[in-house]
N, C-alpha and C. Protein backbone atom coordinates (compact mmCIF):
# COMPACT_ATOMS: atom_id res chain seq x y z
N UNK A 1 74.97 91.75 102.78
CA UNK A 1 75.49 92.84 103.57
C UNK A 1 76.95 93.12 103.24
N UNK A 2 77.78 92.06 103.10
CA UNK A 2 79.20 92.28 102.88
C UNK A 2 79.51 92.78 101.48
N UNK A 3 78.68 92.43 100.51
CA UNK A 3 78.85 92.98 99.17
C UNK A 3 78.68 94.49 99.23
N UNK A 4 77.71 94.95 100.00
CA UNK A 4 77.51 96.39 100.16
C UNK A 4 78.71 97.03 100.83
N UNK A 5 79.31 96.33 101.78
CA UNK A 5 80.49 96.87 102.44
C UNK A 5 81.61 97.10 101.44
N UNK A 6 81.77 96.16 100.52
CA UNK A 6 82.83 96.30 99.53
C UNK A 6 82.63 97.54 98.67
N UNK A 7 81.39 97.88 98.40
CA UNK A 7 81.10 99.04 97.56
C UNK A 7 81.07 100.34 98.37
N UNK A 8 81.00 100.23 99.68
CA UNK A 8 80.77 101.40 100.52
C UNK A 8 82.04 102.13 100.93
N UNK A 9 83.20 101.62 100.62
CA UNK A 9 84.41 102.33 101.01
C UNK A 9 85.35 102.42 99.82
N UNK A 10 86.35 103.25 99.97
CA UNK A 10 87.30 103.42 98.88
C UNK A 10 88.69 103.00 99.35
N UNK A 11 89.52 102.71 98.41
CA UNK A 11 90.90 102.33 98.66
C UNK A 11 91.68 103.56 99.07
N UNK A 12 92.57 103.50 100.05
CA UNK A 12 92.86 102.36 100.88
C UNK A 12 92.00 102.31 102.15
N UNK A 13 91.72 101.11 102.59
CA UNK A 13 91.04 100.92 103.86
C UNK A 13 92.09 100.95 104.96
N UNK A 14 93.11 100.15 104.78
CA UNK A 14 94.21 100.09 105.73
C UNK A 14 93.87 99.29 106.97
N UNK A 15 94.89 98.99 107.72
CA UNK A 15 94.73 98.30 108.99
C UNK A 15 95.64 99.03 109.97
N UNK A 16 95.15 100.17 110.43
CA UNK A 16 95.93 101.01 111.34
C UNK A 16 95.56 100.63 112.76
N UNK A 17 96.26 99.65 113.29
CA UNK A 17 95.94 99.11 114.60
C UNK A 17 97.23 98.79 115.34
N UNK A 18 97.10 98.38 116.56
CA UNK A 18 98.26 97.98 117.35
C UNK A 18 98.44 96.48 117.22
N UNK A 19 99.53 96.09 116.62
CA UNK A 19 99.86 94.67 116.48
C UNK A 19 100.69 94.25 117.67
N UNK A 20 100.43 93.03 118.15
CA UNK A 20 101.12 92.55 119.34
C UNK A 20 101.66 91.14 119.12
N UNK A 21 102.61 90.78 119.95
CA UNK A 21 103.16 89.43 119.94
C UNK A 21 102.04 88.44 120.26
N UNK A 22 102.14 87.26 119.69
CA UNK A 22 101.13 86.22 119.89
C UNK A 22 100.89 85.95 121.38
N UNK A 23 101.95 86.02 122.18
CA UNK A 23 101.83 85.71 123.62
C UNK A 23 100.87 86.66 124.34
N UNK A 24 100.63 87.84 123.80
CA UNK A 24 99.71 88.79 124.43
C UNK A 24 98.26 88.30 124.39
N UNK A 25 97.97 87.31 123.55
CA UNK A 25 96.61 86.82 123.38
C UNK A 25 96.41 85.40 123.90
N UNK A 26 97.35 84.89 124.64
CA UNK A 26 97.21 83.53 125.17
C UNK A 26 96.34 83.53 126.41
N UNK A 27 95.47 82.54 126.56
CA UNK A 27 95.28 81.43 125.63
C UNK A 27 94.29 81.81 124.52
N UNK A 28 94.56 81.31 123.34
CA UNK A 28 93.64 81.45 122.20
C UNK A 28 92.74 80.23 122.15
N UNK A 29 91.52 80.39 121.68
CA UNK A 29 90.66 79.23 121.49
C UNK A 29 91.31 78.33 120.43
N UNK A 30 90.94 77.06 120.44
CA UNK A 30 91.50 76.12 119.47
C UNK A 30 91.21 76.57 118.04
N UNK A 31 90.00 77.08 117.80
CA UNK A 31 89.63 77.52 116.45
C UNK A 31 90.44 78.75 116.05
N UNK A 32 90.56 79.72 116.95
CA UNK A 32 91.34 80.92 116.63
C UNK A 32 92.80 80.55 116.38
N UNK A 33 93.36 79.70 117.22
CA UNK A 33 94.74 79.28 117.06
C UNK A 33 94.94 78.58 115.72
N UNK A 34 93.98 77.75 115.35
CA UNK A 34 94.05 77.01 114.09
C UNK A 34 94.17 77.94 112.89
N UNK A 35 93.47 79.06 112.90
CA UNK A 35 93.49 79.99 111.78
C UNK A 35 94.60 81.03 111.91
N UNK A 36 94.80 81.57 113.10
CA UNK A 36 95.75 82.67 113.27
C UNK A 36 97.21 82.23 113.19
N UNK A 37 97.49 81.02 113.61
CA UNK A 37 98.89 80.58 113.69
C UNK A 37 99.25 79.55 112.63
N UNK A 38 98.38 79.31 111.69
CA UNK A 38 98.65 78.37 110.61
C UNK A 38 99.71 78.97 109.69
N UNK A 39 100.84 78.29 109.56
CA UNK A 39 101.95 78.83 108.76
C UNK A 39 101.83 78.49 107.28
N UNK A 40 100.84 77.71 106.92
CA UNK A 40 100.62 77.40 105.51
C UNK A 40 99.93 78.54 104.80
N UNK A 41 99.59 78.31 103.56
CA UNK A 41 98.94 79.32 102.73
C UNK A 41 97.47 79.46 103.11
N UNK A 42 97.07 80.65 103.54
CA UNK A 42 95.66 80.92 103.84
C UNK A 42 94.82 80.78 102.57
N UNK A 43 95.36 81.23 101.45
CA UNK A 43 94.68 81.09 100.17
C UNK A 43 94.35 79.63 99.89
N UNK A 44 95.34 78.76 100.02
CA UNK A 44 95.13 77.34 99.73
C UNK A 44 94.15 76.72 100.72
N UNK A 45 94.18 77.15 101.95
CA UNK A 45 93.26 76.61 102.95
C UNK A 45 91.82 76.97 102.59
N UNK A 46 91.59 78.23 102.24
CA UNK A 46 90.23 78.66 101.87
C UNK A 46 89.81 77.98 100.57
N UNK A 47 90.72 77.91 99.61
CA UNK A 47 90.41 77.24 98.33
C UNK A 47 89.98 75.80 98.55
N UNK A 48 90.64 75.11 99.48
CA UNK A 48 90.34 73.70 99.71
C UNK A 48 88.94 73.50 100.32
N UNK A 49 88.38 74.55 100.90
CA UNK A 49 87.07 74.48 101.54
C UNK A 49 85.96 75.03 100.66
N UNK A 50 86.31 75.57 99.49
CA UNK A 50 85.33 76.29 98.68
C UNK A 50 85.10 75.61 97.33
N UNK A 51 83.86 75.70 96.87
CA UNK A 51 83.57 75.33 95.49
C UNK A 51 84.01 76.45 94.56
N UNK A 52 83.94 77.68 95.07
CA UNK A 52 84.29 78.84 94.28
C UNK A 52 85.12 79.78 95.14
N UNK A 53 86.40 79.91 94.82
CA UNK A 53 87.30 80.81 95.52
C UNK A 53 87.63 81.96 94.58
N UNK A 54 87.68 83.17 95.12
CA UNK A 54 88.03 84.33 94.29
C UNK A 54 88.74 85.38 95.12
N UNK A 55 89.58 86.13 94.46
CA UNK A 55 90.24 87.29 95.03
C UNK A 55 89.60 88.52 94.41
N UNK A 56 89.10 89.41 95.25
CA UNK A 56 88.52 90.67 94.78
C UNK A 56 89.48 91.78 95.18
N UNK A 57 90.13 92.39 94.19
CA UNK A 57 91.09 93.46 94.46
C UNK A 57 90.32 94.75 94.74
N UNK A 58 90.53 95.29 95.92
CA UNK A 58 89.91 96.55 96.32
C UNK A 58 90.69 97.71 95.71
N UNK A 59 92.00 97.61 95.80
CA UNK A 59 92.85 98.66 95.25
C UNK A 59 94.31 98.27 95.33
N UNK A 60 95.08 98.93 94.50
CA UNK A 60 96.52 98.72 94.49
C UNK A 60 97.15 100.02 94.05
N UNK A 61 98.14 100.48 94.81
CA UNK A 61 98.76 101.73 94.41
C UNK A 61 99.75 102.25 95.41
N UNK A 62 100.25 103.42 95.11
CA UNK A 62 101.20 104.11 95.97
C UNK A 62 100.40 104.98 96.93
N UNK A 63 100.17 104.47 98.12
CA UNK A 63 99.41 105.19 99.14
C UNK A 63 100.26 105.27 100.41
N UNK A 64 99.95 106.21 101.28
CA UNK A 64 100.73 106.33 102.51
C UNK A 64 100.65 105.06 103.36
N UNK A 65 101.77 104.71 103.95
CA UNK A 65 101.81 103.57 104.86
C UNK A 65 101.47 104.05 106.26
N UNK A 66 100.96 103.14 107.07
CA UNK A 66 100.70 103.44 108.48
C UNK A 66 102.01 103.35 109.25
N UNK A 67 102.08 104.06 110.36
CA UNK A 67 103.29 104.03 111.20
C UNK A 67 103.62 102.59 111.61
N UNK A 68 102.57 101.78 111.89
CA UNK A 68 102.85 100.40 112.31
C UNK A 68 103.48 99.58 111.17
N UNK A 69 103.34 100.02 109.94
CA UNK A 69 103.97 99.34 108.80
C UNK A 69 105.40 99.84 108.59
N UNK A 70 105.58 101.16 108.63
CA UNK A 70 106.93 101.70 108.41
C UNK A 70 107.88 101.32 109.53
N UNK A 71 107.35 101.08 110.73
CA UNK A 71 108.20 100.67 111.85
C UNK A 71 108.75 99.26 111.67
N UNK A 72 108.10 98.46 110.85
CA UNK A 72 108.51 97.07 110.65
C UNK A 72 109.39 96.91 109.42
N UNK A 73 109.11 97.67 108.38
CA UNK A 73 109.78 97.50 107.09
C UNK A 73 111.07 98.29 107.00
N UNK A 74 111.99 97.76 106.20
CA UNK A 74 113.25 98.46 105.93
C UNK A 74 113.03 99.41 104.75
N UNK A 75 113.73 100.49 104.76
CA UNK A 75 113.68 101.40 103.62
C UNK A 75 112.56 102.40 103.71
N UNK A 76 112.61 103.41 102.84
CA UNK A 76 111.61 104.47 102.86
C UNK A 76 110.24 104.00 102.36
N UNK A 77 109.19 104.62 102.87
CA UNK A 77 107.81 104.23 102.54
C UNK A 77 107.53 104.31 101.05
N UNK A 78 108.17 105.24 100.35
CA UNK A 78 107.90 105.37 98.91
C UNK A 78 108.46 104.21 98.09
N UNK A 79 109.21 103.31 98.73
CA UNK A 79 109.73 102.13 98.04
C UNK A 79 108.72 100.98 98.05
N UNK A 80 107.51 101.24 98.57
CA UNK A 80 106.50 100.18 98.72
C UNK A 80 105.20 100.54 98.01
N UNK A 81 104.47 99.50 97.65
CA UNK A 81 103.15 99.64 97.02
C UNK A 81 102.17 98.83 97.87
N UNK A 82 100.96 99.33 98.03
CA UNK A 82 99.95 98.68 98.85
C UNK A 82 98.93 97.99 97.96
N UNK A 83 98.55 96.78 98.36
CA UNK A 83 97.50 96.01 97.67
C UNK A 83 96.50 95.55 98.71
N UNK A 84 95.22 95.86 98.50
CA UNK A 84 94.17 95.44 99.41
C UNK A 84 93.18 94.57 98.66
N UNK A 85 92.81 93.43 99.27
CA UNK A 85 91.93 92.47 98.62
C UNK A 85 90.98 91.84 99.62
N UNK A 86 89.91 91.25 99.10
CA UNK A 86 89.07 90.33 99.85
C UNK A 86 89.31 88.94 99.29
N UNK A 87 89.41 87.96 100.17
CA UNK A 87 89.45 86.56 99.77
C UNK A 87 88.05 86.02 99.98
N UNK A 88 87.45 85.54 98.89
CA UNK A 88 86.06 85.07 98.91
C UNK A 88 85.98 83.55 98.93
N UNK A 89 85.12 83.05 99.78
CA UNK A 89 84.76 81.63 99.84
C UNK A 89 83.32 81.53 99.37
N UNK A 90 83.11 80.88 98.23
CA UNK A 90 81.75 80.72 97.68
C UNK A 90 80.97 82.04 97.66
N UNK A 91 81.59 83.06 97.10
CA UNK A 91 80.98 84.38 96.89
C UNK A 91 80.80 85.19 98.18
N UNK A 92 81.39 84.74 99.28
CA UNK A 92 81.29 85.45 100.55
C UNK A 92 82.69 85.83 101.01
N UNK A 93 82.94 87.11 101.30
CA UNK A 93 84.27 87.50 101.76
C UNK A 93 84.56 86.96 103.16
N UNK A 94 85.65 86.23 103.25
CA UNK A 94 86.08 85.68 104.54
C UNK A 94 87.23 86.48 105.15
N UNK A 95 88.08 87.06 104.29
CA UNK A 95 89.30 87.72 104.77
C UNK A 95 89.52 89.01 103.99
N UNK A 96 89.89 90.07 104.72
CA UNK A 96 90.38 91.29 104.12
C UNK A 96 91.88 91.28 104.32
N UNK A 97 92.64 91.48 103.25
CA UNK A 97 94.10 91.45 103.36
C UNK A 97 94.71 92.73 102.81
N UNK A 98 95.73 93.20 103.49
CA UNK A 98 96.50 94.37 103.04
C UNK A 98 97.96 93.93 102.97
N UNK A 99 98.53 94.03 101.79
CA UNK A 99 99.93 93.67 101.58
C UNK A 99 100.72 94.91 101.23
N UNK A 100 101.87 95.06 101.84
CA UNK A 100 102.78 96.17 101.55
C UNK A 100 103.98 95.53 100.86
N UNK A 101 104.08 95.81 99.56
CA UNK A 101 105.00 95.09 98.68
C UNK A 101 106.11 96.03 98.18
N UNK A 102 107.36 95.61 98.27
CA UNK A 102 108.43 96.44 97.71
C UNK A 102 108.23 96.65 96.20
N UNK A 103 108.45 97.87 95.73
CA UNK A 103 108.31 98.18 94.31
C UNK A 103 109.13 97.21 93.45
N UNK A 104 110.30 96.81 93.94
CA UNK A 104 111.16 95.90 93.18
C UNK A 104 110.46 94.57 92.89
N UNK A 105 109.60 94.11 93.81
CA UNK A 105 108.86 92.87 93.58
C UNK A 105 107.64 93.08 92.71
N UNK A 106 107.05 94.28 92.79
CA UNK A 106 105.86 94.60 91.98
C UNK A 106 106.21 94.49 90.50
N UNK A 107 107.44 94.88 90.16
CA UNK A 107 107.84 94.88 88.75
C UNK A 107 108.58 93.61 88.33
N UNK A 108 108.75 92.67 89.26
CA UNK A 108 109.46 91.43 88.91
C UNK A 108 108.60 90.22 89.30
N UNK A 109 108.82 89.63 90.46
CA UNK A 109 108.12 88.42 90.88
C UNK A 109 106.60 88.55 90.90
N UNK A 110 106.09 89.74 91.16
CA UNK A 110 104.64 89.93 91.27
C UNK A 110 104.05 90.74 90.11
N UNK A 111 104.79 90.88 89.02
CA UNK A 111 104.28 91.60 87.85
C UNK A 111 103.06 90.87 87.30
N UNK A 112 102.04 91.63 86.95
CA UNK A 112 100.83 91.05 86.36
C UNK A 112 100.01 90.22 87.32
N UNK A 113 100.06 90.53 88.60
CA UNK A 113 99.33 89.75 89.61
C UNK A 113 97.82 89.83 89.42
N UNK A 114 97.30 91.01 89.16
CA UNK A 114 95.86 91.17 88.92
C UNK A 114 95.02 90.53 90.02
N UNK A 115 94.02 89.71 89.64
CA UNK A 115 93.14 89.05 90.61
C UNK A 115 93.68 87.72 91.10
N UNK A 116 94.92 87.42 90.79
CA UNK A 116 95.53 86.19 91.31
C UNK A 116 95.88 86.39 92.78
N UNK A 117 95.78 85.34 93.57
CA UNK A 117 96.16 85.46 94.98
C UNK A 117 97.68 85.60 95.14
N UNK A 118 98.08 86.55 95.95
CA UNK A 118 99.49 86.75 96.27
C UNK A 118 100.07 85.48 96.90
N UNK A 119 99.26 84.80 97.72
CA UNK A 119 99.72 83.59 98.40
C UNK A 119 100.19 82.51 97.45
N UNK A 120 99.60 82.42 96.28
CA UNK A 120 100.02 81.41 95.28
C UNK A 120 101.49 81.61 94.93
N UNK A 121 101.90 82.85 94.81
CA UNK A 121 103.29 83.11 94.44
C UNK A 121 104.22 82.99 95.65
N UNK A 122 103.77 83.47 96.79
CA UNK A 122 104.61 83.40 97.99
C UNK A 122 104.92 81.97 98.41
N UNK A 123 103.89 81.12 98.41
CA UNK A 123 104.05 79.78 98.95
C UNK A 123 104.52 78.76 97.91
N UNK A 124 104.61 79.17 96.66
CA UNK A 124 105.12 78.27 95.62
C UNK A 124 106.50 78.69 95.14
N UNK A 125 107.16 79.51 95.94
CA UNK A 125 108.50 79.99 95.61
C UNK A 125 109.35 79.88 96.88
N UNK A 126 110.24 78.92 96.90
CA UNK A 126 111.06 78.64 98.09
C UNK A 126 111.99 79.79 98.47
N UNK A 127 112.11 80.78 97.61
CA UNK A 127 112.98 81.93 97.93
C UNK A 127 112.35 82.86 98.97
N UNK A 128 111.04 82.70 99.22
CA UNK A 128 110.36 83.51 100.23
C UNK A 128 110.30 82.75 101.54
N UNK A 129 110.60 83.43 102.64
CA UNK A 129 110.46 82.81 103.96
C UNK A 129 109.60 83.73 104.83
N UNK A 130 108.79 83.10 105.68
CA UNK A 130 107.86 83.86 106.51
C UNK A 130 108.46 84.09 107.89
N UNK A 131 108.28 85.31 108.41
CA UNK A 131 108.69 85.64 109.76
C UNK A 131 107.60 85.28 110.76
N UNK A 132 107.77 85.73 111.98
CA UNK A 132 106.84 85.45 113.07
C UNK A 132 105.52 86.21 112.88
N UNK A 133 104.46 85.64 113.43
CA UNK A 133 103.16 86.30 113.40
C UNK A 133 103.05 87.35 114.50
N UNK A 134 102.29 88.39 114.20
CA UNK A 134 101.78 89.33 115.18
C UNK A 134 100.27 89.27 115.04
N UNK A 135 99.56 89.54 116.14
CA UNK A 135 98.10 89.47 116.13
C UNK A 135 97.50 90.80 116.54
N UNK A 136 96.23 90.96 116.21
CA UNK A 136 95.47 92.13 116.66
C UNK A 136 94.01 91.74 116.76
N UNK A 137 93.28 92.58 117.46
CA UNK A 137 91.83 92.55 117.41
C UNK A 137 91.42 93.97 117.02
N UNK A 138 90.59 94.06 116.00
CA UNK A 138 90.22 95.35 115.46
C UNK A 138 88.70 95.41 115.34
N UNK A 139 88.16 96.58 115.58
CA UNK A 139 86.72 96.77 115.49
C UNK A 139 86.32 96.92 114.03
N UNK A 140 85.39 96.10 113.58
CA UNK A 140 84.97 96.12 112.18
C UNK A 140 84.47 97.49 111.76
N UNK A 141 83.81 98.21 112.64
CA UNK A 141 83.27 99.52 112.26
C UNK A 141 84.40 100.49 111.92
N UNK A 142 85.58 100.31 112.51
CA UNK A 142 86.69 101.20 112.19
C UNK A 142 87.25 100.91 110.81
N UNK A 143 87.04 99.70 110.29
CA UNK A 143 87.50 99.36 108.94
C UNK A 143 86.48 99.73 107.88
N UNK A 144 85.23 99.40 108.10
CA UNK A 144 84.24 99.48 107.04
C UNK A 144 83.03 100.34 107.36
N UNK A 145 82.97 100.95 108.52
CA UNK A 145 81.80 101.73 108.89
C UNK A 145 80.58 100.86 109.12
N UNK A 146 80.81 99.60 109.48
CA UNK A 146 79.74 98.63 109.69
C UNK A 146 79.43 98.53 111.18
N UNK A 147 78.46 97.70 111.56
CA UNK A 147 78.18 97.52 112.98
C UNK A 147 79.44 97.08 113.73
N UNK A 148 79.54 97.50 114.96
CA UNK A 148 80.72 97.22 115.77
C UNK A 148 80.85 95.73 116.06
N UNK A 149 81.91 95.13 115.56
CA UNK A 149 82.22 93.72 115.78
C UNK A 149 83.72 93.61 115.93
N UNK A 150 84.19 92.87 116.93
CA UNK A 150 85.61 92.69 117.15
C UNK A 150 86.12 91.54 116.28
N UNK A 151 87.11 91.83 115.45
CA UNK A 151 87.64 90.85 114.51
C UNK A 151 89.09 90.52 114.82
N UNK A 152 89.47 89.27 114.52
CA UNK A 152 90.86 88.83 114.66
C UNK A 152 91.65 89.20 113.42
N UNK A 153 92.92 89.51 113.64
CA UNK A 153 93.83 89.76 112.53
C UNK A 153 95.20 89.18 112.83
N UNK A 154 95.93 88.94 111.76
CA UNK A 154 97.32 88.48 111.90
C UNK A 154 98.14 89.15 110.81
N UNK A 155 99.44 89.26 111.06
CA UNK A 155 100.33 89.74 110.02
C UNK A 155 101.71 89.12 110.22
N UNK A 156 102.43 89.09 109.12
CA UNK A 156 103.80 88.60 109.16
C UNK A 156 104.56 89.18 107.98
N UNK A 157 105.88 89.21 108.14
CA UNK A 157 106.77 89.66 107.07
C UNK A 157 107.26 88.43 106.31
N UNK A 158 107.30 88.57 105.01
CA UNK A 158 107.95 87.57 104.17
C UNK A 158 109.26 88.18 103.70
N UNK A 159 110.30 87.36 103.71
CA UNK A 159 111.63 87.83 103.33
C UNK A 159 112.02 87.22 101.99
N UNK A 160 112.60 88.05 101.13
CA UNK A 160 113.08 87.64 99.82
C UNK A 160 114.36 88.42 99.56
N UNK A 161 115.49 87.70 99.55
CA UNK A 161 116.79 88.34 99.41
C UNK A 161 116.90 89.42 100.47
N UNK A 162 117.09 90.68 100.09
CA UNK A 162 117.19 91.75 101.09
C UNK A 162 115.91 92.56 101.19
N UNK A 163 114.80 92.01 100.67
CA UNK A 163 113.52 92.72 100.67
C UNK A 163 112.54 92.11 101.67
N UNK A 164 111.62 92.95 102.14
CA UNK A 164 110.56 92.48 103.05
C UNK A 164 109.20 92.87 102.49
N UNK A 165 108.27 91.96 102.64
CA UNK A 165 106.90 92.12 102.18
C UNK A 165 106.02 91.89 103.41
N UNK A 166 105.14 92.82 103.73
CA UNK A 166 104.29 92.73 104.91
C UNK A 166 102.88 92.35 104.49
N UNK A 167 102.35 91.27 105.06
CA UNK A 167 101.00 90.81 104.75
C UNK A 167 100.17 90.79 106.03
N UNK A 168 99.08 91.55 106.03
CA UNK A 168 98.15 91.60 107.17
C UNK A 168 96.80 91.07 106.70
N UNK A 169 96.17 90.25 107.53
CA UNK A 169 94.89 89.62 107.18
C UNK A 169 93.92 89.78 108.33
N UNK A 170 92.73 90.28 108.02
CA UNK A 170 91.66 90.43 109.00
C UNK A 170 90.58 89.41 108.64
N UNK A 171 90.20 88.59 109.60
CA UNK A 171 89.18 87.56 109.39
C UNK A 171 87.81 88.17 109.62
N UNK A 172 87.02 88.20 108.58
CA UNK A 172 85.68 88.81 108.62
C UNK A 172 84.70 87.91 109.36
N UNK A 173 83.57 88.44 109.81
CA UNK A 173 82.63 87.67 110.65
C UNK A 173 82.13 86.37 110.02
N UNK A 174 82.16 86.27 108.71
CA UNK A 174 81.67 85.06 108.03
C UNK A 174 82.70 83.94 107.97
N UNK A 175 83.94 84.21 108.36
CA UNK A 175 84.97 83.17 108.30
C UNK A 175 84.83 82.22 109.48
N UNK A 176 85.29 80.98 109.32
CA UNK A 176 85.08 79.96 110.36
C UNK A 176 85.90 80.16 111.63
N UNK A 177 86.77 81.15 111.66
CA UNK A 177 87.56 81.38 112.87
C UNK A 177 86.67 81.66 114.08
N UNK A 178 85.46 82.16 113.82
CA UNK A 178 84.55 82.53 114.92
C UNK A 178 83.58 81.42 115.30
N UNK A 179 83.66 80.28 114.63
CA UNK A 179 82.78 79.16 114.94
C UNK A 179 83.26 78.48 116.21
N UNK A 180 82.34 77.93 116.93
CA UNK A 180 82.68 77.15 118.13
C UNK A 180 83.18 75.79 117.69
N UNK A 181 84.25 75.32 118.32
CA UNK A 181 84.78 74.00 118.00
C UNK A 181 83.77 72.92 118.44
N UNK A 182 83.64 71.84 117.64
CA UNK A 182 82.70 70.78 118.02
C UNK A 182 83.11 70.05 119.27
C-alpha cells in the first residue's frame, strides 16, 4: 500500500500544519515520547533496527515554502531549497521528512547529497546544533490522499553559523511509534 502512496503524489507534498510546543501534547505515551523527543539521529536509530535502510528522495527543488516554515526561518523564502524523502526500514517507509535547506548549504556542506541521509551529515558535524522540538498531529489523508489516519510529527531547526535548516518528520503508520509499550 505505501509503495503505491509514493507513486500516487508529486513533489512537493509539504507539511502545512500547525506546529506546537511539546507541552501542548503532554502527557505523551512512553513510546511516542521515545521517538518524538529523541535528540539523536533518527536516521541512525532506524538504521540500527533495520537489515536494509534506504532513503527514497521524493523531490528536491525550489518550491514555495509554507507560512509555518517562513515564520520560523530567517531570510527570504527564495534563499531556501526543499528536500522531501521517505526513510525506509526493510523496504517499508517509516518516516516522511521535509527539509528546508539554505541554498548556501546546498552548494557546500550538502553538495551531492543524492540518496544519502541528511542526518548523516547533520549529526556527524559538530558545527550543527539542534534547536527545540515542535510537534504536530496531521491527518494522513491530507498528505497522501490515503485513508484518514492521525500521524505524529516533529520538527526542529538546526543552526550552522548564521544559517538555519528546518527538518520536519512525519511518522508513518508502519513506524514503531504507534506500537503499544510492553
